[in-house]
Amino acid sequence: MTTVLVATLRFLRQNALRIGVVLGTFALVAALIFVQQVREAFAEQDFHAARAQVLAAQSHAREVGLDAAEYSDLQRQELTTASAAPPPASAPFNQDRIAFFTRAASQEAQIKDQLENRVQKLVSETRDAAQASVTQLSGAMQNAKQIGVDEQLLVEFDGLPSKAQIEVDVATTVHAYRAVSAELKAPVSKLALIIADQQATNKLIAQYVDQAAAADHGDPAVARTGANAALAQVQADIQTARIFSMDVSVVDLHVQKLAAKLTTVTTTADLEQVNGGLQVQDKVLQDAMTRTLPEKAITISLSEQVIRAYEHGQQVFWSYTTTGRPGLETDPGSFKVYWKVSPWTMHSPWPKGSPYWYPDSKVQMVMWFNGGDGIHDASWRSRYGPGTNGPHYDPTGEDTGTHGCVNVPYKNMVWLWNWTPTGTPVIVY
């Protein structure tokens, strides 16, 4: 036993340095493993904390009153980040996993900052818009009284500016400010029509009658043709105003009376009076549209498959288009262009094998207006217009509608892209 002990001690003494190196190496490796495990744990913890902050910011955005379309792009970015799988590895060879969680945490933080900034901006914008509506209504009422509008026509507006101002003063959310703007939209539009009607009535009827007389030279047939043309024009403008949710009841009532009169009068003088009255009503309507409608706006008719551009309610552009196919129809509603980007590669959110899957498709320009729905060119499509949002014959391109986007021929899309600023209202109906 003593001999074995002596031999062991001699071996340890002779190999002490080597044994120390081995033990030190094991200790160093163990320490490195521990450090890498701790680093990975902290990185993963930071990622989950950052994601929790994004989810909280999304919840706050909903509480404040943002529409889903106003932050769904950031929501999709967050879901993409959160659903990514970290590379498989174990400490100490887990540096890629640590980098993955660190990068994901940074992405989540960026998304949170973008969302918070967007919320703050929308709160400010909707507050300013609500206050502007109150100011506009107050000023319009004063103007109406000054130009001699019948007091009975103003009774329904009494007290409304004061009530709306109180609502603006106590509001704190996008939802509340938008509620004030929505509440005042119809009264402001209607009052604008009343004012415009009075102004036009005061100044223009005689002028238009004289113009009609100069054009028809006393011929009743020519006079009737002119009156019918005036009727068609004002009816078209009424339809446009209704697309923008304007209250056109005042003008429409006058037009209906004049239209009924047009079917009964026969003399040239009476036809000229009707013509003059219709032109006055159209001028009234166009003036009101100029004051109350957006400087620029886009409408998309799902039934016509037509996209139109308006400046203060006056059409300046139109094009055939193609909207969503059956099952992926383009949503109707009121939106706005929240992001323009050029070029862009469309990536299918559906997996390969799905009937909705499509390969990566590059477009030259896209204007996003409703979450993942955008207005863009489509090099893979050669036909647009009525029927192209469903199965149809296209000899060189796509033979059905889109996945929810709005396709526009390239040359027309170039015009629309150059004309449209971010924030432009988009009405799909």
Protein backbone atom coordinates (compact mmCIF):
# COMPACT_ATOMS: atom_id res chain seq x y z
CA MET A 1 0.00 0.00 0.00
CA THR A 2 2.84 2.32 0.90
CA THR A 3 4.58 1.49 -2.32
CA VAL A 4 1.46 2.42 -4.36
CA LEU A 5 1.08 5.68 -2.49
CA VAL A 6 4.72 6.51 -3.03
CA ALA A 7 4.43 5.68 -6.74
CA THR A 8 1.30 7.85 -7.04
CA LEU A 9 2.97 10.78 -5.36
CA ARG A 10 6.02 10.37 -7.54
CA PHE A 11 3.76 10.33 -10.67
CA LEU A 12 1.90 13.42 -9.53
CA ARG A 13 5.16 15.22 -8.79
CA GLN A 14 6.64 14.31 -12.13
CA ASN A 15 3.47 15.25 -14.12
CA ALA A 16 2.15 18.12 -12.05
CA LEU A 17 2.48 20.65 -14.85
CA ARG A 18 0.67 18.47 -17.36
CA ILE A 19 -2.09 17.65 -14.90
CA GLY A 20 -2.47 21.33 -14.08
CA VAL A 21 -2.74 22.20 -17.74
CA VAL A 22 -5.44 19.56 -18.26
CA LEU A 23 -7.41 20.62 -15.21
CA GLY A 24 -7.04 24.26 -16.17
CA THR A 25 -8.25 23.54 -19.66
CA PHE A 26 -11.30 21.73 -18.32
CA ALA A 27 -11.99 24.63 -15.97
CA LEU A 28 -11.60 27.16 -18.78
CA VAL A 29 -13.92 25.22 -21.07
CA ALA A 30 -16.48 24.86 -18.29
CA ALA A 31 -16.28 28.58 -17.60
CA LEU A 32 -16.65 29.40 -21.30
CA ILE A 33 -19.69 27.14 -21.56
CA PHE A 34 -21.22 28.80 -18.51
CA VAL A 35 -20.55 32.29 -19.82
CA GLN A 36 -22.03 31.50 -23.24
CA GLN A 37 -25.10 29.94 -21.64
CA VAL A 38 -25.58 33.03 -19.50
CA ARG A 39 -25.09 35.33 -22.51
CA GLU A 40 -27.65 33.37 -24.51
CA ALA A 41 -30.12 33.42 -21.62
CA PHE A 42 -29.77 37.18 -21.24
CA ALA A 43 -30.06 37.75 -25.00
CA GLU A 44 -33.20 35.63 -25.18
CA GLN A 45 -34.60 37.41 -22.13
CA ASP A 46 -33.94 40.79 -23.76
CA PHE A 47 -35.73 39.63 -26.90
CA HIS A 48 -38.81 38.49 -24.98
CA ALA A 49 -38.84 41.73 -23.00
CA ALA A 50 -38.59 43.77 -26.20
CA ARG A 51 -41.39 41.76 -27.77
CA ALA A 52 -43.59 42.28 -24.71
CA GLN A 53 -43.07 46.02 -25.13
CA VAL A 54 -44.14 45.82 -28.78
CA LEU A 55 -47.28 43.87 -27.87
CA ALA A 56 -48.03 46.43 -25.17
CA ALA A 57 -47.55 49.22 -27.73
CA GLN A 58 -49.94 47.44 -30.11
CA SER A 59 -52.50 47.15 -27.33
CA HIS A 60 -52.06 50.85 -26.57
CA ALA A 61 -52.53 51.69 -30.25
CA ARG A 62 -55.84 49.83 -30.24
CA GLU A 63 -56.92 51.54 -27.03
CA VAL A 64 -56.04 54.96 -28.44
CA GLY A 65 -58.19 54.19 -31.46
CA LEU A 66 -55.88 53.46 -34.38
CA ASP A 67 -57.50 51.54 -37.21
CA ALA A 68 -55.98 48.13 -37.86
CA ALA A 69 -54.85 49.26 -41.31
CA GLU A 70 -52.75 52.02 -39.72
CA TYR A 71 -50.34 49.69 -37.97
CA SER A 72 -50.86 46.25 -39.49
CA ASP A 73 -47.62 46.62 -41.47
CA LEU A 74 -45.67 46.92 -38.19
CA GLN A 75 -47.72 44.09 -36.73
CA ARG A 76 -46.70 41.87 -39.65
CA GLN A 77 -43.05 42.86 -39.18
CA GLU A 78 -43.27 41.90 -35.52
CA LEU A 79 -44.88 38.55 -36.29
CA THR A 80 -42.17 37.83 -38.86
CA THR A 81 -39.46 38.62 -36.30
CA ALA A 82 -41.12 36.64 -33.52
CA SER A 83 -41.77 33.56 -35.68
CA ALA A 84 -38.18 33.22 -36.90
CA ALA A 85 -36.37 30.17 -35.45
CA PRO A 86 -32.92 30.58 -33.84
CA PRO A 87 -30.09 28.45 -35.25
CA PRO A 88 -29.61 25.11 -33.44
CA ALA A 89 -26.42 25.14 -31.37
CA SER A 90 -25.19 24.57 -27.83
CA ALA A 91 -22.68 26.43 -25.70
CA PRO A 92 -19.90 27.22 -26.21
CA PHE A 93 -20.71 27.13 -29.94
CA ASN A 94 -23.84 29.27 -29.60
CA GLN A 95 -22.57 32.64 -30.74
CA ASP A 96 -24.99 32.59 -33.69
CA ARG A 97 -27.91 32.02 -31.33
CA ILE A 98 -26.80 34.93 -29.16
CA ALA A 99 -26.50 37.14 -32.25
CA PHE A 100 -29.94 35.97 -33.40
CA PHE A 101 -31.65 36.98 -30.14
CA THR A 102 -29.72 40.25 -29.99
CA ARG A 103 -30.72 41.12 -33.53
CA ALA A 104 -34.35 40.13 -32.91
CA ALA A 105 -34.46 42.28 -29.76
CA SER A 106 -33.11 45.23 -31.72
CA GLN A 107 -35.73 44.71 -34.44
CA GLU A 108 -38.49 44.55 -31.84
CA ALA A 109 -37.22 47.78 -30.26
CA GLN A 110 -37.25 49.50 -33.65
CA ILE A 111 -40.81 48.32 -34.31
CA LYS A 112 -41.89 49.62 -30.90
CA ASP A 113 -40.32 53.02 -31.56
CA GLN A 114 -41.97 53.25 -35.00
CA LEU A 115 -45.35 52.31 -33.57
CA GLU A 116 -45.10 54.78 -30.69
CA ASN A 117 -44.07 57.55 -33.09
CA ARG A 118 -46.98 56.68 -35.37
CA VAL A 119 -49.42 56.78 -32.47
CA GLN A 120 -48.07 60.13 -31.30
CA LYS A 121 -48.28 61.57 -34.81
CA LEU A 122 -51.84 60.36 -35.34
CA VAL A 123 -52.99 61.74 -31.99
CA SER A 124 -51.56 65.13 -32.96
CA GLU A 125 -52.98 65.01 -36.48
CA THR A 126 -56.47 63.97 -35.40
CA ARG A 127 -56.52 66.59 -32.63
CA ASP A 128 -55.58 69.30 -35.13
CA ALA A 129 -58.16 68.02 -37.61
CA ALA A 130 -60.92 68.04 -34.98
CA GLN A 131 -60.03 71.58 -33.88
CA ALA A 132 -59.96 72.70 -37.51
CA SER A 133 -63.46 71.27 -38.01
CA VAL A 134 -64.78 73.20 -35.01
CA THR A 135 -63.17 76.42 -36.25
CA GLN A 136 -64.49 75.83 -39.75
CA LEU A 137 -68.05 75.30 -38.50
CA SER A 138 -67.97 78.42 -36.31
CA GLY A 139 -66.67 80.56 -39.15
CA ALA A 140 -69.20 79.14 -41.57
CA MET A 141 -72.11 79.98 -39.28
CA GLN A 142 -70.94 83.58 -38.97
CA ASN A 143 -70.55 83.80 -42.74
CA ALA A 144 -74.00 82.32 -43.33
CA LYS A 145 -75.64 84.95 -41.17
CA GLN A 146 -73.70 87.75 -42.88
CA ILE A 147 -74.78 86.80 -46.41
CA GLY A 148 -78.46 86.44 -45.49
CA VAL A 149 -79.08 82.70 -45.21
CA ASP A 150 -82.57 82.01 -43.90
CA GLU A 151 -82.37 81.64 -40.11
CA GLN A 152 -84.58 78.57 -40.25
CA LEU A 153 -81.86 76.80 -42.21
CA LEU A 154 -79.38 77.52 -39.39
CA VAL A 155 -81.48 76.33 -36.46
CA GLU A 156 -80.08 72.79 -36.60
CA PHE A 157 -76.52 74.13 -36.21
CA ASP A 158 -77.16 76.29 -33.13
CA GLY A 159 -74.94 75.29 -30.19
CA LEU A 160 -73.07 72.67 -32.20
CA PRO A 161 -69.70 74.53 -32.31
CA SER A 162 -69.68 75.06 -28.52
CA LYS A 163 -70.57 71.43 -27.86
CA ALA A 164 -67.89 70.18 -30.25
CA GLN A 165 -65.25 72.47 -28.71
CA ILE A 166 -65.91 70.98 -25.28
CA GLU A 167 -65.51 67.50 -26.76
CA VAL A 168 -62.17 68.47 -28.33
CA ASP A 169 -60.93 69.98 -25.04
CA VAL A 170 -61.63 66.79 -23.05
CA ALA A 171 -60.57 64.27 -25.73
CA THR A 172 -57.22 62.47 -25.45
CA THR A 173 -57.34 59.66 -28.01
CA VAL A 174 -57.36 59.27 -31.77
CA HIS A 175 -60.78 57.65 -31.47
CA ALA A 176 -62.22 60.61 -29.56
CA TYR A 177 -60.77 63.23 -31.91
CA ARG A 178 -61.97 61.30 -34.94
CA ALA A 179 -65.40 61.05 -33.37
CA VAL A 180 -65.55 64.86 -33.19
CA SER A 181 -64.41 65.20 -36.80
CA ALA A 182 -66.93 62.58 -37.90
CA GLU A 183 -69.68 64.32 -35.94
CA LEU A 184 -68.93 67.63 -37.66
CA LYS A 185 -68.30 66.29 -41.15
CA ALA A 186 -71.95 66.26 -42.22
CA PRO A 187 -72.86 69.64 -40.63
CA VAL A 188 -69.78 71.34 -42.12
CA SER A 189 -70.55 69.93 -45.56
CA LYS A 190 -74.22 70.81 -45.34
CA LEU A 191 -73.55 74.34 -44.10
CA ALA A 192 -71.00 74.84 -46.87
CA LEU A 193 -73.69 73.90 -49.38
CA ILE A 194 -76.20 76.28 -47.80
CA ILE A 195 -73.69 79.15 -47.92
CA ALA A 196 -72.63 78.36 -51.46
CA ASP A 197 -76.27 78.11 -52.51
CA GLN A 198 -77.05 81.52 -51.06
CA GLN A 199 -73.99 83.12 -52.60
CA ALA A 200 -74.68 81.64 -55.99
CA THR A 201 -78.33 82.55 -55.79
CA ASN A 202 -77.41 86.13 -54.96
CA LYS A 203 -75.05 86.56 -57.90
CA LEU A 204 -75.31 84.04 -60.66
CA ILE A 205 -78.81 83.14 -61.77
CA ALA A 206 -79.26 86.13 -64.03
CA GLN A 207 -75.77 85.68 -65.43
CA TYR A 208 -76.38 82.04 -66.36
CA VAL A 209 -79.79 82.81 -67.85
CA ASP A 210 -78.17 85.43 -70.06
CA GLN A 211 -75.52 82.93 -71.14
CA ALA A 212 -78.17 80.32 -71.97
CA ALA A 213 -80.10 82.86 -74.03
CA ALA A 214 -76.99 83.84 -75.95
CA ALA A 215 -76.33 80.18 -76.74
CA ASP A 216 -79.81 79.12 -77.91
CA HIS A 217 -80.68 82.24 -79.96
CA GLY A 218 -84.33 81.80 -79.01
CA ASP A 219 -84.58 78.21 -80.33
CA PRO A 220 -86.57 76.10 -77.80
CA ALA A 221 -84.99 72.83 -79.00
CA VAL A 222 -81.49 74.18 -78.45
CA ALA A 223 -82.61 75.60 -75.11
CA ARG A 224 -83.89 72.18 -73.98
CA THR A 225 -80.67 70.49 -75.09
CA GLY A 226 -78.68 72.97 -73.04
CA ALA A 227 -80.88 72.44 -69.98
CA ASN A 228 -80.57 68.65 -70.27
CA ALA A 229 -76.77 68.95 -70.48
CA ALA A 230 -76.75 71.14 -67.36
CA LEU A 231 -78.90 68.57 -65.55
CA ALA A 232 -76.56 65.71 -66.50
CA GLN A 233 -73.52 67.65 -65.29
CA VAL A 234 -74.92 68.53 -61.88
CA GLN A 235 -76.22 64.97 -61.36
CA ALA A 236 -72.72 63.61 -62.10
CA ASP A 237 -71.20 66.02 -59.58
CA ILE A 238 -73.78 65.03 -56.98
CA GLN A 239 -72.77 61.39 -57.44
CA THR A 240 -69.09 62.30 -56.98
CA ALA A 241 -69.85 64.28 -53.81
CA ARG A 242 -71.76 61.34 -52.35
CA ILE A 243 -68.75 59.08 -52.88
CA PHE A 244 -66.92 61.43 -50.50
CA SER A 245 -69.85 61.26 -48.04
CA MET A 246 -70.85 64.89 -48.54
CA ASP A 247 -74.35 65.90 -47.53
CA VAL A 248 -75.77 67.13 -50.84
CA SER A 249 -79.40 67.16 -49.75
CA VAL A 250 -79.80 70.92 -50.23
CA VAL A 251 -78.47 70.91 -53.80
CA ASP A 252 -80.22 67.64 -54.62
CA LEU A 253 -83.57 69.06 -53.50
CA HIS A 254 -83.18 72.08 -55.78
CA VAL A 255 -82.01 69.90 -58.67
CA GLN A 256 -84.97 67.56 -58.29
CA LYS A 257 -87.37 70.49 -58.43
CA LEU A 258 -85.65 71.93 -61.48
CA ALA A 259 -85.56 68.49 -63.16
CA ALA A 260 -89.29 68.11 -62.58
CA LYS A 261 -89.87 71.58 -63.98
CA LEU A 262 -87.78 70.72 -67.04
CA THR A 263 -90.29 68.02 -68.01
CA THR A 264 -93.19 70.50 -68.05
CA VAL A 265 -91.88 73.81 -69.43
CA THR A 266 -91.95 74.47 -73.16
CA THR A 267 -91.06 78.08 -73.84
CA THR A 268 -87.51 79.14 -74.53
CA ALA A 269 -87.54 81.63 -71.66
CA ASP A 270 -88.65 78.98 -69.14
CA LEU A 271 -86.06 76.51 -70.41
CA GLU A 272 -83.39 79.18 -70.03
CA GLN A 273 -84.49 79.79 -66.46
CA VAL A 274 -84.21 76.07 -65.67
CA ASN A 275 -80.83 75.90 -67.36
CA GLY A 276 -79.60 78.89 -65.36
CA GLY A 277 -80.90 77.39 -62.13
CA LEU A 278 -79.20 74.05 -62.79
CA GLN A 279 -75.89 75.71 -63.59
CA VAL A 280 -76.15 77.71 -60.39
CA GLN A 281 -76.68 74.54 -58.37
CA ASP A 282 -73.69 72.89 -60.03
CA LYS A 283 -71.57 75.94 -59.23
CA VAL A 284 -72.81 75.77 -55.65
CA LEU A 285 -71.86 72.13 -55.41
CA GLN A 286 -68.45 72.57 -57.00
CA ASP A 287 -67.61 75.50 -54.71
CA ALA A 288 -68.57 73.42 -51.67
CA MET A 289 -66.52 70.48 -52.90
CA THR A 290 -63.51 72.76 -53.38
CA ARG A 291 -63.78 74.00 -49.79
CA THR A 292 -64.59 70.76 -47.99
CA LEU A 293 -63.12 67.86 -49.98
CA PRO A 294 -59.45 66.85 -49.73
CA GLU A 295 -56.98 68.66 -51.96
CA LYS A 296 -56.26 65.29 -53.52
CA ALA A 297 -58.15 62.01 -53.27
CA ILE A 298 -58.35 58.63 -54.99
CA THR A 299 -61.47 56.53 -55.47
CA ILE A 300 -61.65 52.90 -56.57
CA SER A 301 -64.93 51.56 -57.96
CA LEU A 302 -65.13 47.80 -57.45
CA SER A 303 -68.17 47.50 -59.71
CA GLU A 304 -66.59 49.49 -62.55
CA GLN A 305 -63.00 48.36 -61.92
CA VAL A 306 -61.96 51.99 -62.32
CA ILE A 307 -59.57 54.14 -60.28
CA ARG A 308 -60.03 57.91 -60.32
CA ALA A 309 -58.02 60.86 -59.01
CA TYR A 310 -59.67 64.05 -57.80
CA GLU A 311 -58.46 67.53 -56.92
CA HIS A 312 -61.00 69.25 -54.65
CA GLY A 313 -63.70 66.95 -56.02
CA GLN A 314 -62.86 67.54 -59.68
CA GLN A 315 -61.75 64.44 -61.58
CA VAL A 316 -58.29 64.83 -63.11
CA PHE A 317 -57.46 61.21 -63.98
CA TRP A 318 -59.02 57.80 -64.42
CA SER A 319 -57.84 54.34 -65.41
CA TYR A 320 -59.19 50.84 -65.62
CA THR A 321 -57.84 48.66 -62.86
CA THR A 322 -58.03 45.13 -61.47
CA THR A 323 -58.95 44.44 -57.85
CA GLY A 324 -59.15 41.36 -55.61
CA ARG A 325 -60.32 38.00 -56.89
CA PRO A 326 -63.23 36.03 -55.34
CA GLY A 327 -62.24 35.07 -51.80
CA LEU A 328 -59.57 37.78 -51.64
CA GLU A 329 -61.70 40.79 -52.55
CA THR A 330 -60.32 44.29 -52.06
CA ASP A 331 -61.91 45.72 -48.92
CA PRO A 332 -64.35 48.61 -49.39
CA GLY A 333 -63.92 51.56 -47.04
CA SER A 334 -62.04 54.78 -46.46
CA PHE A 335 -58.24 54.57 -46.19
CA LYS A 336 -55.20 56.66 -47.02
CA VAL A 337 -51.85 56.14 -48.71
CA TYR A 338 -49.57 55.53 -45.72
CA TRP A 339 -46.40 54.45 -47.55
CA LYS A 340 -44.96 54.76 -51.07
CA VAL A 341 -42.02 52.60 -52.14
CA SER A 342 -40.24 51.94 -55.44
CA PRO A 343 -39.29 49.32 -56.46
CA TRP A 344 -40.77 46.51 -54.38
CA THR A 345 -40.85 42.73 -54.47
CA MET A 346 -44.20 41.18 -53.61
CA HIS A 347 -43.69 38.09 -51.43
CA SER A 348 -46.48 35.56 -50.97
CA PRO A 349 -47.77 35.29 -47.39
CA TRP A 350 -49.29 31.93 -48.37
CA PRO A 351 -47.08 28.82 -48.38
CA LYS A 352 -46.15 27.06 -51.58
CA GLY A 353 -48.90 24.61 -52.43
CA SER A 354 -51.66 27.01 -51.39
CA PRO A 355 -54.02 28.02 -54.23
CA TYR A 356 -53.18 31.62 -53.33
CA TRP A 357 -49.38 31.19 -53.39
CA TYR A 358 -47.44 33.19 -55.96
CA PRO A 359 -43.73 33.52 -56.73
CA ASP A 360 -41.82 36.64 -55.72
CA SER A 361 -43.02 39.36 -58.09
CA LYS A 362 -41.23 42.66 -58.60
CA VAL A 363 -43.22 45.86 -59.16
CA GLN A 364 -41.82 49.24 -60.06
CA MET A 365 -43.91 51.26 -57.62
CA VAL A 366 -46.50 50.57 -54.93
CA MET A 367 -48.66 52.81 -52.76
CA TRP A 368 -49.84 50.99 -49.60
CA PHE A 369 -53.25 52.08 -48.33
CA ASN A 370 -54.82 49.24 -46.32
CA GLY A 371 -52.38 47.03 -44.47
CA GLY A 372 -51.08 44.64 -47.11
CA ASP A 373 -53.21 46.08 -49.92
CA GLY A 374 -51.47 48.46 -52.28
CA ILE A 375 -51.97 50.23 -55.60
CA HIS A 376 -49.22 49.10 -57.98
CA ASP A 377 -48.23 48.21 -61.52
CA ALA A 378 -48.38 44.56 -62.61
CA SER A 379 -46.13 43.46 -65.47
CA TRP A 380 -47.76 40.01 -65.42
CA ARG A 381 -51.18 41.41 -66.41
CA SER A 382 -52.26 42.67 -69.86
CA ARG A 383 -55.98 43.27 -69.33
CA TYR A 384 -57.73 45.53 -66.84
CA GLY A 385 -61.24 46.77 -66.26
CA PRO A 386 -64.69 45.21 -65.74
CA GLY A 387 -64.55 41.47 -65.16
CA THR A 388 -60.80 41.23 -64.66
CA ASN A 389 -61.21 40.86 -60.89
CA GLY A 390 -62.62 37.39 -61.58
CA PRO A 391 -61.76 34.57 -63.98
CA HIS A 392 -61.31 35.96 -67.49
CA TYR A 393 -59.32 35.46 -70.66
CA ASP A 394 -55.94 37.15 -70.73
CA PRO A 395 -53.85 36.01 -73.71
CA THR A 396 -50.51 37.05 -72.19
CA GLY A 397 -51.01 37.52 -68.48
CA GLU A 398 -52.87 36.75 -65.26
CA ASP A 399 -56.37 35.42 -65.88
CA THR A 400 -58.01 36.28 -62.55
CA GLY A 401 -58.12 39.10 -60.00
CA THR A 402 -55.48 40.15 -57.50
CA HIS A 403 -54.79 38.97 -53.95
CA GLY A 404 -56.43 42.15 -52.64
CA CYS A 405 -54.18 44.78 -54.20
CA VAL A 406 -55.22 47.19 -56.94
CA ASN A 407 -53.36 46.70 -60.23
CA VAL A 408 -52.96 49.66 -62.59
CA PRO A 409 -51.37 49.65 -66.08
CA TYR A 410 -47.75 50.76 -65.87
CA LYS A 411 -48.04 54.05 -67.80
CA ASN A 412 -51.08 55.09 -65.79
CA MET A 413 -49.39 54.01 -62.56
CA VAL A 414 -46.45 56.32 -63.35
CA TRP A 415 -48.84 59.27 -63.55
CA LEU A 416 -50.66 58.25 -60.38
CA TRP A 417 -47.39 57.69 -58.50
CA ASN A 418 -46.06 61.13 -59.40
CA TRP A 419 -49.37 62.83 -58.55
CA THR A 420 -50.11 61.12 -55.22
CA PRO A 421 -48.49 62.31 -51.95
CA THR A 422 -48.39 60.17 -48.83
CA GLY A 423 -51.54 60.71 -46.78
CA THR A 424 -53.84 60.96 -49.81
CA PRO A 425 -57.34 59.59 -48.97
CA VAL A 426 -58.34 56.40 -50.79
CA ILE A 427 -62.04 55.52 -50.98
CA VAL A 428 -62.94 52.00 -52.13
CA TYR A 429 -66.60 51.43 -52.86
